[in-house]
Amino acid sequence: MNQSATEALQNRPVHKVRIGLVKAAIWANSTRKGVLYNVTFERRFHDGEAWRSTSSFGRDDLLKLAKVADQAHSWITEQLTVATVKPEVGPALKPVSARRAA
């Protein structure tokens, strides 16, 4: 893979959460202390013939924004839990999604 393709993959969110036109993009940043996650939020809207994005939210968007933020928080928490589970502790600490698959 060439450098620009690698950079494009590195500049993509690791996960997205969407409710209606409100979306959260979760970004992973590798540091010496491990992975840190950041979240950006946007609202899509139709402007004539084109779709555009904004980081401004109206009253009717706020509940969706809160739910998207909650889901993003839950996803990040699950990633951090999976990353810190120690094998000797056992299956009791596995995330719910891993227990369902078993």
Protein backbone atom coordinates (compact mmCIF):
# COMPACT_ATOMS: atom_id res chain seq x y z
CA MET A 1 0.00 0.00 0.00
CA ASN A 2 1.41 3.40 -0.92
CA GLN A 3 1.86 6.23 1.56
CA SER A 4 -1.22 8.25 0.49
CA ALA A 5 -3.46 5.16 0.76
CA THR A 6 -2.06 4.42 4.22
CA GLU A 7 -2.62 8.03 5.31
CA ALA A 8 -6.19 7.91 3.99
CA LEU A 9 -6.91 4.82 6.11
CA GLN A 10 -5.30 6.43 9.16
CA ASN A 11 -7.44 9.54 8.69
CA ARG A 12 -10.73 7.62 8.83
CA PRO A 13 -12.88 7.21 11.91
CA VAL A 14 -12.66 3.81 13.60
CA HIS A 15 -16.41 3.79 14.20
CA LYS A 16 -19.50 5.85 13.34
CA VAL A 17 -22.84 6.17 15.12
CA ARG A 18 -25.82 7.70 13.36
CA ILE A 19 -29.39 8.52 14.31
CA GLY A 20 -31.29 10.23 11.54
CA LEU A 21 -29.17 13.08 10.24
CA VAL A 22 -27.00 13.33 13.37
CA LYS A 23 -23.71 11.44 13.27
CA ALA A 24 -20.77 10.83 15.60
CA ALA A 25 -17.37 9.84 14.20
CA ILE A 26 -15.00 8.17 16.65
CA TRP A 27 -11.28 8.67 16.03
CA ALA A 28 -8.44 6.62 17.53
CA ASN A 29 -5.15 8.33 18.30
CA SER A 30 -2.18 6.15 19.23
CA THR A 31 -0.01 7.58 21.97
CA ARG A 32 2.80 6.25 24.13
CA LYS A 33 0.21 5.64 26.84
CA GLY A 34 -2.11 3.71 24.54
CA VAL A 35 -5.04 4.57 22.33
CA LEU A 36 -7.02 7.73 23.05
CA TYR A 37 -10.42 8.25 21.47
CA ASN A 38 -11.97 11.53 20.32
CA VAL A 39 -15.43 12.11 18.88
CA THR A 40 -16.69 14.63 16.35
CA PHE A 41 -20.37 15.33 15.76
CA GLU A 42 -22.14 16.57 12.67
CA ARG A 43 -25.63 17.11 11.33
CA ARG A 44 -26.39 16.58 7.66
CA PHE A 45 -28.82 18.84 5.81
CA HIS A 46 -30.04 19.28 2.28
CA ASP A 47 -29.12 22.61 0.67
CA GLY A 48 -30.80 22.80 -2.72
CA GLU A 49 -29.34 19.94 -4.75
CA ALA A 50 -26.42 19.18 -2.41
CA TRP A 51 -26.04 17.56 0.99
CA ARG A 52 -23.93 19.49 3.47
CA SER A 53 -22.71 19.07 7.06
CA THR A 54 -22.68 21.37 10.04
CA SER A 55 -21.59 21.17 13.67
CA SER A 56 -24.54 23.36 14.69
CA PHE A 57 -27.57 21.66 16.24
CA GLY A 58 -31.07 22.98 16.72
CA ARG A 59 -33.52 22.23 19.50
CA ASP A 60 -35.00 19.27 17.63
CA ASP A 61 -31.52 17.76 17.13
CA LEU A 62 -30.42 17.81 20.76
CA LEU A 63 -32.04 14.56 21.90
CA LYS A 64 -30.56 12.72 18.89
CA LEU A 65 -27.19 14.32 19.63
CA ALA A 66 -27.37 13.14 23.26
CA LYS A 67 -28.25 9.59 22.19
CA VAL A 68 -25.48 9.51 19.59
CA ALA A 69 -23.02 10.79 22.21
CA ASP A 70 -24.20 8.10 24.64
CA GLN A 71 -23.74 5.35 22.04
CA ALA A 72 -20.28 6.69 21.14
CA HIS A 73 -19.34 6.68 24.83
CA SER A 74 -20.57 3.09 25.19
CA TRP A 75 -18.57 1.95 22.15
CA ILE A 76 -15.38 3.59 23.42
CA THR A 77 -15.89 2.13 26.90
CA GLU A 78 -16.32 -1.34 25.39
CA GLN A 79 -13.10 -0.95 23.39
CA LEU A 80 -11.19 0.08 26.50
CA THR A 81 -12.71 -2.81 28.49
CA VAL A 82 -11.73 -5.35 25.83
CA ALA A 83 -8.21 -3.90 25.71
CA THR A 84 -7.75 -4.23 29.48
CA VAL A 85 -9.31 -7.67 30.12
CA LYS A 86 -6.66 -10.01 31.49
CA PRO A 87 -6.83 -13.68 30.42
CA GLU A 88 -6.49 -14.98 33.98
CA VAL A 89 -9.61 -13.10 35.11
CA GLY A 90 -11.90 -15.19 32.89
CA PRO A 91 -15.08 -14.70 30.89
CA ALA A 92 -16.99 -12.73 33.53
CA LEU A 93 -15.37 -9.51 32.31
CA LYS A 94 -15.96 -10.10 28.59
CA PRO A 95 -18.18 -7.47 26.92
CA VAL A 96 -21.81 -8.38 26.37
CA SER A 97 -21.34 -8.75 22.59
CA ALA A 98 -18.58 -11.35 23.13
CA ARG A 99 -20.75 -13.32 25.58
CA ARG A 100 -23.63 -13.50 23.09
CA ALA A 101 -21.37 -14.97 20.41
CA ALA A 102 -20.15 -17.73 22.73
